[in-house]
Amino acid sequence: MGKRDDLIQKYAEDLRNDCGMEPDMDLLTKVTIGCGPSIYNADASTVAGSDPEELQRVVDGFLKKKLGLPDSPDLMDAVNKAIDTYGRSNRNKYRAVIYYLLTKHFGKEAVYG
């Protein structure tokens, strides 16, 4: 297995252990690939759940741009819900896992075809 496959397995374990859900591996793989090279960078691969600017980047760059959602307060509420699901005390909130949770939350799996 390659490094990306190892990361996908790590993200799947986080979804099982930290979020209490069985991941759709096909969707998780597509979301991870969609994150691009950021998954290999220690800083870029995680989301700082306590940084309002970082959370706004998730809203702007992922929810509005990638998923095509219209701007509304519901977007930030969903990001906060995803952070809560992952566990605010969890230091390593992987971007791919947060994006997976948000994709499922908004029912936008079709974006990943």
N, C-alpha and C. Protein backbone atom coordinates (compact mmCIF):
# COMPACT_ATOMS: atom_id res chain seq x y z
N MET A 1 0.84 -1.19 0.00
CA MET A 1 0.00 0.00 0.00
C MET A 1 0.88 1.25 0.00
N GLY A 2 0.38 2.29 -0.66
CA GLY A 2 1.10 3.55 -0.70
C GLY A 2 0.76 4.41 0.49
N LYS A 3 1.43 5.55 0.54
CA LYS A 3 1.22 6.46 1.67
C LYS A 3 -0.24 6.96 1.72
N ARG A 4 -0.82 7.25 0.54
CA ARG A 4 -2.22 7.72 0.53
C ARG A 4 -3.14 6.64 1.08
N ASP A 5 -2.91 5.39 0.70
CA ASP A 5 -3.73 4.29 1.22
C ASP A 5 -3.62 4.17 2.73
N ASP A 6 -2.41 4.37 3.24
CA ASP A 6 -2.20 4.34 4.69
C ASP A 6 -3.00 5.45 5.38
N LEU A 7 -2.97 6.64 4.77
CA LEU A 7 -3.71 7.76 5.35
C LEU A 7 -5.21 7.50 5.32
N ILE A 8 -5.71 6.95 4.22
CA ILE A 8 -7.14 6.64 4.11
C ILE A 8 -7.54 5.66 5.21
N GLN A 9 -6.70 4.68 5.48
CA GLN A 9 -6.98 3.73 6.57
C GLN A 9 -7.00 4.43 7.93
N LYS A 10 -6.07 5.38 8.12
CA LYS A 10 -6.03 6.14 9.37
C LYS A 10 -7.31 6.96 9.51
N TYR A 11 -7.75 7.60 8.42
CA TYR A 11 -8.98 8.40 8.46
C TYR A 11 -10.20 7.51 8.76
N ALA A 12 -10.21 6.32 8.17
CA ALA A 12 -11.32 5.38 8.41
C ALA A 12 -11.36 4.98 9.89
N GLU A 13 -10.20 4.75 10.47
CA GLU A 13 -10.14 4.42 11.90
C GLU A 13 -10.65 5.57 12.76
N ASP A 14 -10.30 6.80 12.39
CA ASP A 14 -10.81 7.96 13.13
C ASP A 14 -12.33 8.04 13.03
N LEU A 15 -12.87 7.77 11.84
CA LEU A 15 -14.32 7.80 11.69
C LEU A 15 -14.98 6.73 12.56
N ARG A 16 -14.37 5.56 12.63
CA ARG A 16 -14.92 4.48 13.45
C ARG A 16 -14.78 4.79 14.94
N ASN A 17 -13.57 5.14 15.36
CA ASN A 17 -13.26 5.27 16.78
C ASN A 17 -13.67 6.61 17.38
N ASP A 18 -13.46 7.71 16.65
CA ASP A 18 -13.72 9.04 17.20
C ASP A 18 -15.12 9.55 16.86
N CYS A 19 -15.63 9.16 15.69
CA CYS A 19 -16.92 9.69 15.23
C CYS A 19 -18.05 8.68 15.36
N GLY A 20 -17.71 7.43 15.67
CA GLY A 20 -18.73 6.42 15.90
C GLY A 20 -19.53 6.04 14.67
N MET A 21 -18.87 6.00 13.51
CA MET A 21 -19.59 5.63 12.28
C MET A 21 -18.70 4.75 11.40
N GLU A 22 -19.36 3.92 10.63
CA GLU A 22 -18.65 3.09 9.66
C GLU A 22 -18.54 3.88 8.36
N PRO A 23 -17.31 4.16 7.91
CA PRO A 23 -17.16 5.00 6.72
C PRO A 23 -17.52 4.29 5.42
N ASP A 24 -18.01 5.07 4.48
CA ASP A 24 -18.18 4.65 3.10
C ASP A 24 -16.79 4.80 2.48
N MET A 25 -16.08 3.70 2.32
CA MET A 25 -14.68 3.75 1.91
C MET A 25 -14.49 4.37 0.53
N ASP A 26 -15.44 4.15 -0.37
CA ASP A 26 -15.34 4.73 -1.71
C ASP A 26 -15.40 6.25 -1.61
N LEU A 27 -16.36 6.77 -0.84
CA LEU A 27 -16.48 8.22 -0.67
C LEU A 27 -15.27 8.78 0.07
N LEU A 28 -14.83 8.11 1.12
CA LEU A 28 -13.67 8.58 1.89
C LEU A 28 -12.44 8.66 0.98
N THR A 29 -12.26 7.68 0.12
CA THR A 29 -11.13 7.69 -0.80
C THR A 29 -11.24 8.89 -1.75
N LYS A 30 -12.41 9.14 -2.28
CA LYS A 30 -12.60 10.27 -3.21
C LYS A 30 -12.40 11.61 -2.51
N VAL A 31 -12.90 11.74 -1.29
CA VAL A 31 -12.71 12.98 -0.53
C VAL A 31 -11.22 13.19 -0.26
N THR A 32 -10.53 12.13 0.12
CA THR A 32 -9.09 12.22 0.41
C THR A 32 -8.33 12.64 -0.84
N ILE A 33 -8.63 12.03 -1.97
CA ILE A 33 -7.97 12.40 -3.23
C ILE A 33 -8.27 13.86 -3.55
N GLY A 34 -9.50 14.30 -3.27
CA GLY A 34 -9.90 15.68 -3.52
C GLY A 34 -9.14 16.69 -2.68
N CYS A 35 -8.59 16.26 -1.56
CA CYS A 35 -7.79 17.16 -0.72
C CYS A 35 -6.44 17.46 -1.34
N GLY A 36 -6.05 16.64 -2.31
CA GLY A 36 -4.78 16.87 -3.00
C GLY A 36 -3.58 16.65 -2.11
N PRO A 37 -2.48 17.34 -2.42
CA PRO A 37 -1.23 17.12 -1.68
C PRO A 37 -1.27 17.60 -0.24
N SER A 38 -2.31 18.34 0.15
CA SER A 38 -2.36 18.85 1.53
C SER A 38 -2.36 17.72 2.56
N ILE A 39 -2.80 16.51 2.17
CA ILE A 39 -2.85 15.41 3.14
C ILE A 39 -1.46 14.97 3.59
N TYR A 40 -0.43 15.35 2.82
CA TYR A 40 0.95 14.95 3.15
C TYR A 40 1.68 16.00 3.98
N ASN A 41 1.05 17.16 4.21
CA ASN A 41 1.66 18.23 4.96
C ASN A 41 1.05 18.25 6.36
N ALA A 42 1.89 18.16 7.38
CA ALA A 42 1.40 18.03 8.76
C ALA A 42 0.43 19.16 9.13
N ASP A 43 0.73 20.39 8.75
CA ASP A 43 -0.13 21.51 9.12
C ASP A 43 -1.39 21.55 8.26
N ALA A 44 -1.24 21.41 6.97
CA ALA A 44 -2.38 21.53 6.05
C ALA A 44 -3.34 20.34 6.14
N SER A 45 -2.86 19.21 6.63
CA SER A 45 -3.69 18.00 6.67
C SER A 45 -4.70 18.01 7.81
N THR A 46 -4.57 18.98 8.72
CA THR A 46 -5.48 19.05 9.86
C THR A 46 -6.25 20.36 9.85
N VAL A 47 -7.36 20.36 10.59
CA VAL A 47 -8.18 21.56 10.75
C VAL A 47 -8.08 21.98 12.21
N ALA A 48 -7.73 23.24 12.42
CA ALA A 48 -7.66 23.78 13.78
C ALA A 48 -9.07 24.16 14.21
N GLY A 49 -9.69 23.31 15.01
CA GLY A 49 -11.08 23.50 15.39
C GLY A 49 -11.36 24.71 16.24
N SER A 50 -10.33 25.30 16.83
CA SER A 50 -10.55 26.46 17.69
C SER A 50 -10.16 27.77 17.00
N ASP A 51 -9.76 27.71 15.72
CA ASP A 51 -9.34 28.90 14.98
C ASP A 51 -10.47 29.36 14.06
N PRO A 52 -11.14 30.48 14.41
CA PRO A 52 -12.27 30.94 13.58
C PRO A 52 -11.89 31.18 12.12
N GLU A 53 -10.67 31.66 11.87
CA GLU A 53 -10.25 31.89 10.48
C GLU A 53 -10.14 30.58 9.71
N GLU A 54 -9.62 29.56 10.37
CA GLU A 54 -9.50 28.24 9.74
C GLU A 54 -10.88 27.67 9.42
N LEU A 55 -11.80 27.81 10.35
CA LEU A 55 -13.16 27.30 10.14
C LEU A 55 -13.85 28.05 9.01
N GLN A 56 -13.57 29.35 8.90
CA GLN A 56 -14.15 30.13 7.81
C GLN A 56 -13.57 29.68 6.46
N ARG A 57 -12.29 29.29 6.45
CA ARG A 57 -11.69 28.77 5.21
C ARG A 57 -12.36 27.47 4.79
N VAL A 58 -12.76 26.65 5.76
CA VAL A 58 -13.49 25.42 5.43
C VAL A 58 -14.83 25.77 4.79
N VAL A 59 -15.51 26.77 5.35
CA VAL A 59 -16.79 27.21 4.79
C VAL A 59 -16.59 27.74 3.37
N ASP A 60 -15.64 28.65 3.21
CA ASP A 60 -15.45 29.31 1.91
C ASP A 60 -14.87 28.37 0.86
N GLY A 61 -13.80 27.66 1.23
CA GLY A 61 -13.08 26.86 0.25
C GLY A 61 -13.70 25.50 -0.04
N PHE A 62 -14.33 24.92 0.95
CA PHE A 62 -14.90 23.58 0.74
C PHE A 62 -16.41 23.62 0.55
N LEU A 63 -17.12 24.15 1.53
CA LEU A 63 -18.59 24.09 1.46
C LEU A 63 -19.15 24.92 0.31
N LYS A 64 -18.64 26.15 0.16
CA LYS A 64 -19.20 27.02 -0.88
C LYS A 64 -18.57 26.73 -2.24
N LYS A 65 -17.25 26.56 -2.27
CA LYS A 65 -16.58 26.39 -3.56
C LYS A 65 -16.69 24.96 -4.08
N LYS A 66 -16.29 23.99 -3.27
CA LYS A 66 -16.28 22.59 -3.73
C LYS A 66 -17.68 21.98 -3.79
N LEU A 67 -18.44 22.14 -2.69
CA LEU A 67 -19.77 21.53 -2.65
C LEU A 67 -20.85 22.41 -3.28
N GLY A 68 -20.52 23.68 -3.55
CA GLY A 68 -21.46 24.57 -4.22
C GLY A 68 -22.66 24.98 -3.38
N LEU A 69 -22.46 25.05 -2.08
CA LEU A 69 -23.56 25.43 -1.19
C LEU A 69 -23.69 26.95 -1.10
N PRO A 70 -24.92 27.46 -1.02
CA PRO A 70 -25.10 28.91 -0.87
C PRO A 70 -24.71 29.36 0.54
N ASP A 71 -24.23 30.59 0.64
CA ASP A 71 -23.80 31.13 1.92
C ASP A 71 -24.99 31.22 2.88
N SER A 72 -24.79 30.71 4.08
CA SER A 72 -25.81 30.83 5.12
C SER A 72 -25.16 30.48 6.46
N PRO A 73 -25.78 30.89 7.57
CA PRO A 73 -25.23 30.56 8.90
C PRO A 73 -25.18 29.05 9.14
N ASP A 74 -26.02 28.30 8.40
CA ASP A 74 -26.03 26.84 8.54
C ASP A 74 -24.67 26.22 8.22
N LEU A 75 -23.90 26.88 7.36
CA LEU A 75 -22.61 26.32 6.97
C LEU A 75 -21.65 26.27 8.16
N MET A 76 -21.52 27.37 8.88
CA MET A 76 -20.63 27.38 10.05
C MET A 76 -21.17 26.46 11.14
N ASP A 77 -22.48 26.40 11.28
CA ASP A 77 -23.08 25.48 12.25
C ASP A 77 -22.69 24.04 11.92
N ALA A 78 -22.71 23.69 10.63
CA ALA A 78 -22.34 22.33 10.22
C ALA A 78 -20.87 22.05 10.48
N VAL A 79 -20.02 23.03 10.25
CA VAL A 79 -18.58 22.86 10.52
C VAL A 79 -18.39 22.60 12.01
N ASN A 80 -19.05 23.39 12.84
CA ASN A 80 -18.93 23.21 14.29
C ASN A 80 -19.48 21.85 14.73
N LYS A 81 -20.55 21.41 14.09
CA LYS A 81 -21.11 20.09 14.41
C LYS A 81 -20.10 18.98 14.04
N ALA A 82 -19.45 19.14 12.89
CA ALA A 82 -18.44 18.16 12.48
C ALA A 82 -17.27 18.13 13.46
N ILE A 83 -16.84 19.30 13.92
CA ILE A 83 -15.76 19.39 14.91
C ILE A 83 -16.20 18.70 16.20
N ASP A 84 -17.44 18.94 16.63
CA ASP A 84 -17.96 18.30 17.84
C ASP A 84 -18.02 16.78 17.67
N THR A 85 -18.48 16.33 16.50
CA THR A 85 -18.56 14.89 16.24
C THR A 85 -17.18 14.25 16.32
N TYR A 86 -16.19 14.93 15.76
CA TYR A 86 -14.81 14.42 15.76
C TYR A 86 -14.24 14.45 17.17
N GLY A 87 -14.67 15.45 17.95
CA GLY A 87 -14.17 15.63 19.32
C GLY A 87 -13.30 16.85 19.40
N ARG A 88 -13.78 17.88 20.05
CA ARG A 88 -13.01 19.13 20.15
C ARG A 88 -11.67 18.91 20.83
N SER A 89 -11.61 17.95 21.74
CA SER A 89 -10.35 17.71 22.45
C SER A 89 -9.35 16.91 21.62
N ASN A 90 -9.80 16.35 20.51
CA ASN A 90 -8.91 15.59 19.62
C ASN A 90 -8.00 16.58 18.91
N ARG A 91 -6.71 16.48 19.16
CA ARG A 91 -5.76 17.44 18.60
C ARG A 91 -5.61 17.31 17.09
N ASN A 92 -5.68 16.10 16.57
CA ASN A 92 -5.50 15.89 15.14
C ASN A 92 -6.84 15.66 14.46
N LYS A 93 -7.45 16.75 14.04
CA LYS A 93 -8.71 16.65 13.29
C LYS A 93 -8.32 16.73 11.81
N TYR A 94 -8.28 15.56 11.19
CA TYR A 94 -7.81 15.51 9.80
C TYR A 94 -8.81 16.15 8.86
N ARG A 95 -8.29 16.95 7.95
CA ARG A 95 -9.10 17.68 6.98
C ARG A 95 -9.99 16.73 6.18
N ALA A 96 -9.44 15.60 5.73
CA ALA A 96 -10.23 14.65 4.93
C ALA A 96 -11.42 14.12 5.73
N VAL A 97 -11.24 13.90 7.02
CA VAL A 97 -12.34 13.39 7.85
C VAL A 97 -13.41 14.48 8.03
N ILE A 98 -12.98 15.71 8.28
CA ILE A 98 -13.93 16.82 8.42
C ILE A 98 -14.71 17.00 7.11
N TYR A 99 -14.00 16.96 5.99
CA TYR A 99 -14.67 17.12 4.69
C TYR A 99 -15.63 15.96 4.43
N TYR A 100 -15.25 14.76 4.82
CA TYR A 100 -16.13 13.60 4.67
C TYR A 100 -17.41 13.81 5.49
N LEU A 101 -17.25 14.22 6.75
CA LEU A 101 -18.41 14.45 7.62
C LEU A 101 -19.34 15.52 7.03
N LEU A 102 -18.75 16.57 6.49
CA LEU A 102 -19.55 17.66 5.92
C LEU A 102 -20.24 17.21 4.62
N THR A 103 -19.55 16.42 3.82
CA THR A 103 -20.15 15.91 2.59
C THR A 103 -21.36 15.06 2.92
N LYS A 104 -21.23 14.18 3.92
CA LYS A 104 -22.35 13.34 4.34
C LYS A 104 -23.48 14.20 4.94
N HIS A 105 -23.11 15.17 5.77
CA HIS A 105 -24.10 16.03 6.43
C HIS A 105 -25.01 16.72 5.41
N PHE A 106 -24.41 17.23 4.35
CA PHE A 106 -25.18 17.97 3.35
C PHE A 106 -25.70 17.08 2.22
N GLY A 107 -25.41 15.77 2.28
CA GLY A 107 -25.90 14.86 1.24
C GLY A 107 -25.33 15.18 -0.13
N LYS A 108 -24.06 15.61 -0.16
CA LYS A 108 -23.44 16.03 -1.41
C LYS A 108 -22.46 14.99 -1.97
N GLU A 109 -22.72 13.73 -1.69
CA GLU A 109 -21.84 12.66 -2.19
C GLU A 109 -21.70 12.69 -3.70
N ALA A 110 -22.73 13.17 -4.39
CA ALA A 110 -22.71 13.19 -5.86
C ALA A 110 -21.62 14.10 -6.41
N VAL A 111 -21.16 15.07 -5.61
CA VAL A 111 -20.07 15.95 -6.05
C VAL A 111 -18.84 15.11 -6.38
N TYR A 112 -18.68 14.00 -5.69
CA TYR A 112 -17.52 13.13 -5.89
C TYR A 112 -17.81 12.01 -6.88
N GLY A 113 -18.97 12.08 -7.53
CA GLY A 113 -19.35 11.16 -8.61
C GLY A 113 -19.12 9.73 -8.30
